[in-house]
Amino acid sequence: LWDPITTARTGRTLGIISDARYRFERGVDPEFMVPGVELATKLVLDFCGGTPTETEVVGYAGHAPKIVSFPLSEVKRLTG
């Protein structure tokens, strides 16, 4: 996938200003790839019609889930 730091650095070096650079230098959620393709497919079908093929996932480029320690006592303290 696109490395946010490399994308930002290269964009600055080359003077590229684009929506894609803006999105990719902030990171792309790899878990949204399949839902994103399915949403885009639905939009194309809704507007243009047609017959979709099956989505095929090859490999996995996602990240391991991060575990965040958050004591329940903090919920009350932070939310009142």
C-alpha atoms as a PDB file:
ATOM      1  CA  LEU A   1       0.000   0.000   0.000  1.00  0.00           C
ATOM      2  CA  TRP A   2       0.960   3.640  -0.103  1.00  0.00           C
ATOM      3  CA  ASP A   3       3.318   4.726   2.659  1.00  0.00           C
ATOM      4  CA  PRO A   4       2.033   8.071   4.012  1.00  0.00           C
ATOM      5  CA  ILE A   5       5.505   9.475   4.787  1.00  0.00           C
ATOM      6  CA  THR A   6       6.945   8.590   1.373  1.00  0.00           C
ATOM      7  CA  THR A   7       3.848   9.959  -0.362  1.00  0.00           C
ATOM      8  CA  ALA A   8       4.067  13.274   1.502  1.00  0.00           C
ATOM      9  CA  ARG A   9       7.816  13.638   0.925  1.00  0.00           C
ATOM     10  CA  THR A  10       7.616  12.805  -2.785  1.00  0.00           C
ATOM     11  CA  GLY A  11       4.624  15.098  -3.273  1.00  0.00           C
ATOM     12  CA  ARG A  12       6.498  18.007  -1.690  1.00  0.00           C
ATOM     13  CA  THR A  13       9.679  17.277  -3.656  1.00  0.00           C
ATOM     14  CA  LEU A  14       7.842  17.135  -6.985  1.00  0.00           C
ATOM     15  CA  GLY A  15       5.412  19.938  -6.163  1.00  0.00           C
ATOM     16  CA  ILE A  16       2.374  17.720  -6.704  1.00  0.00           C
ATOM     17  CA  ILE A  17      -0.858  18.997  -5.196  1.00  0.00           C
ATOM     18  CA  SER A  18      -3.781  16.615  -5.670  1.00  0.00           C
ATOM     19  CA  ASP A  19      -6.722  15.069  -3.873  1.00  0.00           C
ATOM     20  CA  ALA A  20      -5.016  11.674  -4.122  1.00  0.00           C
ATOM     21  CA  ARG A  21      -1.848  12.960  -2.442  1.00  0.00           C
ATOM     22  CA  TYR A  22      -3.950  14.560   0.304  1.00  0.00           C
ATOM     23  CA  ARG A  23      -5.732  11.258   1.009  1.00  0.00           C
ATOM     24  CA  PHE A  24      -2.745   8.926   0.695  1.00  0.00           C
ATOM     25  CA  GLU A  25      -0.373  10.989   2.840  1.00  0.00           C
ATOM     26  CA  ARG A  26      -2.934  10.715   5.636  1.00  0.00           C
ATOM     27  CA  GLY A  27      -3.079   6.949   5.298  1.00  0.00           C
ATOM     28  CA  VAL A  28      -5.484   4.572   3.614  1.00  0.00           C
ATOM     29  CA  ASP A  29      -7.385   2.074   5.731  1.00  0.00           C
ATOM     30  CA  PRO A  30      -6.588  -1.352   4.224  1.00  0.00           C
ATOM     31  CA  GLU A  31      -9.692  -2.794   5.885  1.00  0.00           C
ATOM     32  CA  PHE A  32     -11.867  -0.611   3.632  1.00  0.00           C
ATOM     33  CA  MET A  33     -10.588  -2.050   0.348  1.00  0.00           C
ATOM     34  CA  VAL A  34     -13.260  -4.742  -0.101  1.00  0.00           C
ATOM     35  CA  PRO A  35     -16.164  -2.605   1.185  1.00  0.00           C
ATOM     36  CA  GLY A  36     -14.889   0.245  -1.013  1.00  0.00           C
ATOM     37  CA  VAL A  37     -14.829  -1.940  -4.129  1.00  0.00           C
ATOM     38  CA  GLU A  38     -18.300  -3.243  -3.310  1.00  0.00           C
ATOM     39  CA  LEU A  39     -19.628   0.300  -2.828  1.00  0.00           C
ATOM     40  CA  ALA A  40     -18.067   1.489  -6.095  1.00  0.00           C
ATOM     41  CA  THR A  41     -19.503  -1.555  -7.898  1.00  0.00           C
ATOM     42  CA  LYS A  42     -22.968  -0.830  -6.510  1.00  0.00           C
ATOM     43  CA  LEU A  43     -22.779   2.784  -7.686  1.00  0.00           C
ATOM     44  CA  VAL A  44     -21.718   1.736 -11.191  1.00  0.00           C
ATOM     45  CA  LEU A  45     -24.534  -0.832 -11.340  1.00  0.00           C
ATOM     46  CA  ASP A  46     -27.101   1.687 -10.046  1.00  0.00           C
ATOM     47  CA  PHE A  47     -26.168   4.286 -12.652  1.00  0.00           C
ATOM     48  CA  CYS A  48     -25.047   2.150 -15.595  1.00  0.00           C
ATOM     49  CA  GLY A  49     -26.477  -1.322 -15.087  1.00  0.00           C
ATOM     50  CA  GLY A  50     -24.560  -4.432 -15.989  1.00  0.00           C
ATOM     51  CA  THR A  51     -23.510  -7.636 -14.305  1.00  0.00           C
ATOM     52  CA  PRO A  52     -20.702  -7.619 -11.757  1.00  0.00           C
ATOM     53  CA  THR A  53     -18.162 -10.376 -11.314  1.00  0.00           C
ATOM     54  CA  GLU A  54     -17.078 -11.759  -7.976  1.00  0.00           C
ATOM     55  CA  THR A  55     -14.604  -9.753  -5.914  1.00  0.00           C
ATOM     56  CA  GLU A  56     -11.329 -11.630  -5.615  1.00  0.00           C
ATOM     57  CA  VAL A  57      -8.961 -10.830  -2.766  1.00  0.00           C
ATOM     58  CA  VAL A  58      -5.378 -11.853  -3.403  1.00  0.00           C
ATOM     59  CA  GLY A  59      -3.075 -11.617  -0.395  1.00  0.00           C
ATOM     60  CA  TYR A  60      -3.585  -9.431   2.620  1.00  0.00           C
ATOM     61  CA  ALA A  61      -1.923  -6.069   3.033  1.00  0.00           C
ATOM     62  CA  GLY A  62      -3.753  -5.073   6.190  1.00  0.00           C
ATOM     63  CA  HIS A  63      -2.250  -4.291   9.516  1.00  0.00           C
ATOM     64  CA  ALA A  64      -2.479  -6.311  12.704  1.00  0.00           C
ATOM     65  CA  PRO A  65      -5.160  -4.918  15.004  1.00  0.00           C
ATOM     66  CA  LYS A  66      -3.848  -2.648  17.737  1.00  0.00           C
ATOM     67  CA  ILE A  67      -4.878  -3.285  21.303  1.00  0.00           C
ATOM     68  CA  VAL A  68      -5.480  -0.135  23.311  1.00  0.00           C
ATOM     69  CA  SER A  69      -5.532  -0.385  27.085  1.00  0.00           C
ATOM     70  CA  PHE A  70      -8.389   1.744  28.397  1.00  0.00           C
ATOM     71  CA  PRO A  71      -9.626   1.134  31.946  1.00  0.00           C
ATOM     72  CA  LEU A  72     -13.400   1.398  32.373  1.00  0.00           C
ATOM     73  CA  SER A  73     -12.824   3.790  35.269  1.00  0.00           C
ATOM     74  CA  GLU A  74     -11.513   6.298  32.726  1.00  0.00           C
ATOM     75  CA  VAL A  75     -14.844   6.382  30.881  1.00  0.00           C
ATOM     76  CA  LYS A  76     -16.640   8.003  33.803  1.00  0.00           C
ATOM     77  CA  ARG A  77     -13.736  10.336  34.534  1.00  0.00           C
ATOM     78  CA  LEU A  78     -13.529  11.534  30.938  1.00  0.00           C
ATOM     79  CA  THR A  79     -17.243  11.713  30.151  1.00  0.00           C
ATOM     80  CA  GLY A  80     -18.582  12.871  33.506  1.00  0.00           C
END
